[in-house]
C-alpha atoms as a PDB file:
ATOM      1  CA  MET A   1     -49.650 -64.731  54.584  1.00  0.00           C
ATOM      2  CA  LYS A   2     -47.333 -65.968  57.336  1.00  0.00           C
ATOM      3  CA  ARG A   3     -48.544 -63.139  59.549  1.00  0.00           C
ATOM      4  CA  LEU A   4     -52.208 -64.116  59.016  1.00  0.00           C
ATOM      5  CA  SER A   5     -51.437 -67.765  59.808  1.00  0.00           C
ATOM      6  CA  LEU A   6     -49.596 -66.737  62.971  1.00  0.00           C
ATOM      7  CA  ILE A   7     -52.496 -64.534  64.089  1.00  0.00           C
ATOM      8  CA  PHE A   8     -54.994 -67.349  63.396  1.00  0.00           C
ATOM      9  CA  ALA A   9     -52.914 -69.884  65.365  1.00  0.00           C
ATOM     10  CA  THR A  10     -52.379 -67.462  68.262  1.00  0.00           C
ATOM     11  CA  VAL A  11     -56.105 -66.697  68.559  1.00  0.00           C
ATOM     12  CA  LEU A  12     -56.929 -70.408  68.607  1.00  0.00           C
ATOM     13  CA  VAL A  13     -54.271 -71.253  71.213  1.00  0.00           C
ATOM     14  CA  PHE A  14     -55.243 -68.435  73.578  1.00  0.00           C
ATOM     15  CA  ALA A  15     -58.938 -69.138  73.132  1.00  0.00           C
ATOM     16  CA  GLY A  16     -58.359 -72.808  73.878  1.00  0.00           C
ATOM     17  CA  ALA A  17     -56.302 -72.040  76.953  1.00  0.00           C
ATOM     18  CA  SER A  18     -58.800 -69.495  78.259  1.00  0.00           C
ATOM     19  CA  TYR A  19     -61.946 -71.498  77.602  1.00  0.00           C
ATOM     20  CA  SER A  20     -61.880 -75.232  78.190  1.00  0.00           C
ATOM     21  CA  GLN A  21     -64.799 -75.897  75.829  1.00  0.00           C
ATOM     22  CA  ALA A  22     -62.997 -74.608  72.722  1.00  0.00           C
ATOM     23  CA  GLY A  23     -62.968 -77.178  69.949  1.00  0.00           C
ATOM     24  CA  PHE A  24     -60.589 -77.909  67.103  1.00  0.00           C
ATOM     25  CA  GLY A  25     -60.968 -80.207  64.147  1.00  0.00           C
ATOM     26  CA  ILE A  26     -60.479 -81.068  60.517  1.00  0.00           C
ATOM     27  CA  LYS A  27     -62.907 -80.794  57.633  1.00  0.00           C
ATOM     28  CA  GLY A  28     -63.107 -81.445  53.925  1.00  0.00           C
ATOM     29  CA  GLY A  29     -65.480 -81.923  51.062  1.00  0.00           C
ATOM     30  CA  MET A  30     -66.520 -81.073  47.539  1.00  0.00           C
ATOM     31  CA  ASN A  31     -66.784 -77.685  45.820  1.00  0.00           C
ATOM     32  CA  PHE A  32     -69.147 -76.823  42.991  1.00  0.00           C
ATOM     33  CA  ALA A  33     -67.656 -73.526  41.835  1.00  0.00           C
ATOM     34  CA  THR A  34     -68.368 -71.011  39.114  1.00  0.00           C
ATOM     35  CA  LEU A  35     -67.764 -67.376  38.203  1.00  0.00           C
ATOM     36  CA  ASN A  36     -70.605 -64.915  37.776  1.00  0.00           C
ATOM     37  CA  ASN A  37     -70.770 -62.283  34.998  1.00  0.00           C
ATOM     38  CA  VAL A  38     -68.981 -64.581  32.510  1.00  0.00           C
ATOM     39  CA  ASP A  39     -70.678 -65.878  29.332  1.00  0.00           C
ATOM     40  CA  ASP A  40     -70.622 -69.516  28.159  1.00  0.00           C
ATOM     41  CA  ILE A  41     -69.690 -70.984  31.530  1.00  0.00           C
ATOM     42  CA  GLU A  42     -70.259 -74.206  33.491  1.00  0.00           C
ATOM     43  CA  SER A  43     -69.499 -75.062  37.095  1.00  0.00           C
ATOM     44  CA  ARG A  44     -66.260 -76.783  38.064  1.00  0.00           C
ATOM     45  CA  THR A  45     -66.112 -79.562  40.658  1.00  0.00           C
ATOM     46  CA  GLY A  46     -63.230 -79.314  43.113  1.00  0.00           C
ATOM     47  CA  PHE A  47     -62.451 -79.913  46.764  1.00  0.00           C
ATOM     48  CA  HIS A  48     -61.610 -78.167  50.008  1.00  0.00           C
ATOM     49  CA  PHE A  49     -59.916 -79.333  53.191  1.00  0.00           C
ATOM     50  CA  GLY A  50     -58.376 -77.807  56.272  1.00  0.00           C
ATOM     51  CA  VAL A  51     -58.735 -77.076  59.968  1.00  0.00           C
ATOM     52  CA  PHE A  52     -61.221 -75.183  62.108  1.00  0.00           C
ATOM     53  CA  GLY A  53     -61.685 -73.961  65.640  1.00  0.00           C
ATOM     54  CA  GLN A  54     -64.853 -73.460  67.661  1.00  0.00           C
ATOM     55  CA  ILE A  55     -64.725 -70.884  70.422  1.00  0.00           C
ATOM     56  CA  PRO A  56     -67.957 -70.803  72.476  1.00  0.00           C
ATOM     57  CA  LEU A  57     -69.268 -67.306  73.145  1.00  0.00           C
ATOM     58  CA  SER A  58     -72.435 -68.482  74.926  1.00  0.00           C
ATOM     59  CA  LYS A  59     -74.512 -71.633  75.301  1.00  0.00           C
ATOM     60  CA  ASN A  60     -75.719 -71.605  71.655  1.00  0.00           C
ATOM     61  CA  ILE A  61     -73.222 -69.313  69.909  1.00  0.00           C
ATOM     62  CA  ALA A  62     -69.623 -69.951  68.887  1.00  0.00           C
ATOM     63  CA  LEU A  63     -66.993 -68.245  66.777  1.00  0.00           C
ATOM     64  CA  GLN A  64     -65.662 -70.630  64.124  1.00  0.00           C
ATOM     65  CA  PRO A  65     -62.448 -69.547  62.370  1.00  0.00           C
ATOM     66  CA  GLU A  66     -61.168 -71.868  59.640  1.00  0.00           C
ATOM     67  CA  ALA A  67     -58.142 -72.236  57.364  1.00  0.00           C
ATOM     68  CA  LEU A  68     -58.931 -74.163  54.164  1.00  0.00           C
ATOM     69  CA  ILE A  69     -57.315 -75.030  50.859  1.00  0.00           C
ATOM     70  CA  SER A  70     -59.986 -74.661  48.191  1.00  0.00           C
ATOM     71  CA  THR A  71     -60.005 -75.430  44.454  1.00  0.00           C
ATOM     72  CA  GLN A  72     -62.395 -73.203  42.538  1.00  0.00           C
ATOM     73  CA  GLY A  73     -62.894 -71.732  39.070  1.00  0.00           C
ATOM     74  CA  ALA A  74     -65.182 -72.663  36.189  1.00  0.00           C
ATOM     75  CA  LYS A  75     -65.356 -74.359  32.803  1.00  0.00           C
ATOM     76  CA  LEU A  76     -65.297 -71.976  29.834  1.00  0.00           C
ATOM     77  CA  GLY A  77     -65.656 -72.724  26.153  1.00  0.00           C
ATOM     78  CA  ILE A  78     -61.918 -72.043  25.687  1.00  0.00           C
ATOM     79  CA  GLY A  79     -60.835 -74.232  28.634  1.00  0.00           C
ATOM     80  CA  ASP A  80     -61.031 -74.719  32.379  1.00  0.00           C
ATOM     81  CA  VAL A  81     -60.260 -71.879  34.771  1.00  0.00           C
ATOM     82  CA  ASN A  82     -58.440 -73.433  37.740  1.00  0.00           C
ATOM     83  CA  LEU A  83     -58.194 -71.197  40.803  1.00  0.00           C
ATOM     84  CA  ASN A  84     -56.712 -72.383  44.087  1.00  0.00           C
ATOM     85  CA  TYR A  85     -57.157 -70.394  47.283  1.00  0.00           C
ATOM     86  CA  ILE A  86     -56.250 -70.511  50.919  1.00  0.00           C
ATOM     87  CA  GLN A  87     -59.590 -69.494  52.448  1.00  0.00           C
ATOM     88  CA  VAL A  88     -59.955 -68.042  55.945  1.00  0.00           C
ATOM     89  CA  PRO A  89     -63.634 -67.818  56.958  1.00  0.00           C
ATOM     90  CA  ILE A  90     -64.475 -66.232  60.319  1.00  0.00           C
ATOM     91  CA  LEU A  91     -67.950 -67.550  61.048  1.00  0.00           C
ATOM     92  CA  LEU A  92     -70.574 -67.000  63.699  1.00  0.00           C
ATOM     93  CA  ARG A  93     -72.072 -70.412  64.478  1.00  0.00           C
ATOM     94  CA  LEU A  94     -75.571 -70.589  65.982  1.00  0.00           C
ATOM     95  CA  THR A  95     -76.891 -73.872  67.336  1.00  0.00           C
ATOM     96  CA  ILE A  96     -80.619 -73.873  66.621  1.00  0.00           C
ATOM     97  CA  ILE A  97     -81.349 -77.237  68.223  1.00  0.00           C
ATOM     98  CA  LYS A  98     -78.853 -79.753  69.567  1.00  0.00           C
ATOM     99  CA  ILE A  99     -78.401 -81.431  66.183  1.00  0.00           C
ATOM    100  CA  LEU A 100     -78.669 -78.401  63.826  1.00  0.00           C
ATOM    101  CA  ASN A 101     -76.484 -75.316  63.413  1.00  0.00           C
ATOM    102  CA  ILE A 102     -76.304 -72.418  60.998  1.00  0.00           C
ATOM    103  CA  HIS A 103     -73.204 -70.367  60.331  1.00  0.00           C
ATOM    104  CA  PHE A 104     -72.347 -67.188  58.460  1.00  0.00           C
ATOM    105  CA  GLY A 105     -69.631 -64.582  58.205  1.00  0.00           C
ATOM    106  CA  PRO A 106     -66.871 -63.069  56.087  1.00  0.00           C
ATOM    107  CA  GLN A 107     -64.278 -65.117  54.222  1.00  0.00           C
ATOM    108  CA  PHE A 108     -60.859 -63.956  53.077  1.00  0.00           C
ATOM    109  CA  GLY A 109     -59.091 -65.763  50.237  1.00  0.00           C
ATOM    110  CA  PHE A 110     -55.477 -65.781  49.082  1.00  0.00           C
ATOM    111  CA  ASN A 111     -54.886 -66.999  45.528  1.00  0.00           C
ATOM    112  CA  THR A 112     -52.124 -69.604  45.156  1.00  0.00           C
ATOM    113  CA  LYS A 113     -52.774 -70.766  41.572  1.00  0.00           C
ATOM    114  CA  ALA A 114     -54.560 -69.396  38.516  1.00  0.00           C
ATOM    115  CA  GLU A 115     -54.640 -71.248  35.187  1.00  0.00           C
ATOM    116  CA  LEU A 116     -56.741 -71.079  32.035  1.00  0.00           C
ATOM    117  CA  ALA A 117     -56.461 -74.187  29.837  1.00  0.00           C
ATOM    118  CA  ASP A 118     -53.135 -75.082  31.571  1.00  0.00           C
ATOM    119  CA  MET A 119     -51.671 -71.591  30.938  1.00  0.00           C
ATOM    120  CA  ASP A 120     -50.583 -69.536  33.954  1.00  0.00           C
ATOM    121  CA  ILE A 121     -52.833 -66.471  34.288  1.00  0.00           C
ATOM    122  CA  LYS A 122     -51.824 -65.448  37.803  1.00  0.00           C
ATOM    123  CA  GLU A 123     -50.728 -62.008  36.545  1.00  0.00           C
ATOM    124  CA  ILE A 124     -54.358 -61.132  35.638  1.00  0.00           C
ATOM    125  CA  VAL A 125     -56.009 -62.658  38.739  1.00  0.00           C
ATOM    126  CA  LYS A 126     -56.008 -60.743  42.021  1.00  0.00           C
ATOM    127  CA  GLY A 127     -54.021 -62.237  44.860  1.00  0.00           C
ATOM    128  CA  THR A 128     -56.864 -61.758  47.354  1.00  0.00           C
ATOM    129  CA  ASP A 129     -60.585 -62.456  47.385  1.00  0.00           C
ATOM    130  CA  PHE A 130     -63.326 -61.315  49.757  1.00  0.00           C
ATOM    131  CA  SER A 131     -66.585 -63.227  50.107  1.00  0.00           C
ATOM    132  CA  ALA A 132     -69.394 -64.095  52.507  1.00  0.00           C
ATOM    133  CA  ALA A 133     -70.195 -67.610  53.657  1.00  0.00           C
ATOM    134  CA  VAL A 134     -73.558 -68.925  54.826  1.00  0.00           C
ATOM    135  CA  GLY A 135     -74.415 -72.515  55.619  1.00  0.00           C
ATOM    136  CA  ALA A 136     -75.950 -75.150  57.850  1.00  0.00           C
ATOM    137  CA  GLY A 137     -74.618 -78.249  59.541  1.00  0.00           C
ATOM    138  CA  VAL A 138     -75.900 -81.340  61.297  1.00  0.00           C
ATOM    139  CA  ASN A 139     -74.107 -82.526  64.444  1.00  0.00           C
ATOM    140  CA  LEU A 140     -73.618 -86.288  64.352  1.00  0.00           C
ATOM    141  CA  PRO A 141     -72.356 -88.835  66.928  1.00  0.00           C
ATOM    142  CA  PHE A 142     -68.613 -89.177  67.634  1.00  0.00           C
ATOM    143  CA  ARG A 143     -68.008 -85.420  67.163  1.00  0.00           C
ATOM    144  CA  LEU A 144     -68.767 -85.640  63.452  1.00  0.00           C
ATOM    145  CA  GLU A 145     -70.628 -83.024  61.440  1.00  0.00           C
ATOM    146  CA  ALA A 146     -71.966 -82.841  57.887  1.00  0.00           C
ATOM    147  CA  GLY A 147     -73.150 -79.712  56.169  1.00  0.00           C
ATOM    148  CA  LEU A 148     -73.429 -77.417  53.223  1.00  0.00           C
ATOM    149  CA  ARG A 149     -72.273 -73.880  52.603  1.00  0.00           C
ATOM    150  CA  TYR A 150     -72.567 -71.239  49.920  1.00  0.00           C
ATOM    151  CA  ASN A 151     -69.786 -68.693  49.373  1.00  0.00           C
ATOM    152  CA  ILE A 152     -70.611 -65.565  47.412  1.00  0.00           C
ATOM    153  CA  GLY A 153     -67.684 -63.449  46.244  1.00  0.00           C
ATOM    154  CA  PHE A 154     -67.837 -59.678  46.494  1.00  0.00           C
ATOM    155  CA  SER A 155     -64.504 -58.748  44.945  1.00  0.00           C
ATOM    156  CA  ASP A 156     -63.694 -59.038  41.243  1.00  0.00           C
ATOM    157  CA  ILE A 157     -61.067 -61.692  40.564  1.00  0.00           C
ATOM    158  CA  SER A 158     -59.604 -59.747  37.618  1.00  0.00           C
ATOM    159  CA  ASP A 159     -56.426 -57.738  38.108  1.00  0.00           C
ATOM    160  CA  GLY A 160     -56.625 -55.857  34.831  1.00  0.00           C
ATOM    161  CA  GLY A 161     -57.254 -58.687  32.373  1.00  0.00           C
ATOM    162  CA  ILE A 162     -60.388 -58.266  30.288  1.00  0.00           C
ATOM    163  CA  GLU A 163     -61.059 -62.023  30.271  1.00  0.00           C
ATOM    164  CA  PHE A 164     -62.598 -61.862  33.756  1.00  0.00           C
ATOM    165  CA  ALA A 165     -63.763 -58.261  34.030  1.00  0.00           C
ATOM    166  CA  ASP A 166     -66.397 -58.038  36.803  1.00  0.00           C
ATOM    167  CA  ALA A 167     -66.234 -61.801  37.594  1.00  0.00           C
ATOM    168  CA  GLN A 168     -66.621 -62.941  41.200  1.00  0.00           C
ATOM    169  CA  ASN A 169     -66.264 -66.393  42.722  1.00  0.00           C
ATOM    170  CA  ARG A 170     -69.341 -68.423  43.602  1.00  0.00           C
ATOM    171  CA  ASN A 171     -68.923 -71.710  45.437  1.00  0.00           C
ATOM    172  CA  PHE A 172     -71.338 -74.303  46.836  1.00  0.00           C
ATOM    173  CA  GLN A 173     -69.690 -76.707  49.319  1.00  0.00           C
ATOM    174  CA  LEU A 174     -70.667 -80.067  50.802  1.00  0.00           C
ATOM    175  CA  TYR A 175     -68.478 -81.054  53.747  1.00  0.00           C
ATOM    176  CA  ALA A 176     -67.790 -83.474  56.563  1.00  0.00           C
ATOM    177  CA  ALA A 177     -65.937 -82.461  59.722  1.00  0.00           C
ATOM    178  CA  TRP A 178     -64.532 -84.100  62.831  1.00  0.00           C
ATOM    179  CA  ARG A 179     -63.875 -82.251  66.094  1.00  0.00           C
ATOM    180  CA  PHE A 180     -61.023 -83.987  67.872  1.00  0.00           C
ATOM    181  CA  LEU A 181     -60.871 -81.518  70.769  1.00  0.00           C
ATOM    182  CA  GLY A 182     -63.649 -79.729  72.601  1.00  0.00           C
ATOM    183  CA  SER A 183     -67.124 -80.499  73.774  1.00  0.00           C
ATOM    184  CA  ARG A 184     -69.295 -83.021  71.950  1.00  0.00           C
ATOM    185  CA  SER A 185     -71.750 -80.365  70.834  1.00  0.00           C
ATOM    186  CA  TYR A 186     -72.943 -76.896  71.703  1.00  0.00           C
ATOM    187  CA  LYS A 187     -76.381 -77.002  73.254  1.00  0.00           C
END
């Protein structure tokens, strides 16, 4: 975990030093999460927040790595499943027109908390998660952005417990972001 954070920080620092248009910022918003392949389930509302970088690759394309804290899970008939992750998406960001962008790419998750009805179930939930993220954003004045994203999990969250056999994370996000360094927008 510390190694991944160090690599992420190093990439952002060197990218920023080597390309003056690199951007950095903060973001946060709401999660509407669930688990697929589980019966009698409802979505769980949570949140996410963290930091991101934008490293321009061309006039309309940028690499956008992020580090986010994300609350996920679902509501089951026997109680709420509360899953907390540190998410690291590595996104390709395409600016379609000056105000609109789309982004997509892989996302790596590291589980920090797993509870079912306030009971610790971390021993039956995998420590890592792999998913794909796809979304769209609107560039606003003052380096602000608003958007939505859908994360679809590919790896099963279960680490041997039958309660979540074949379950993967699903997460719809609404977010707001502010770039405090970098260009106003990518044209």
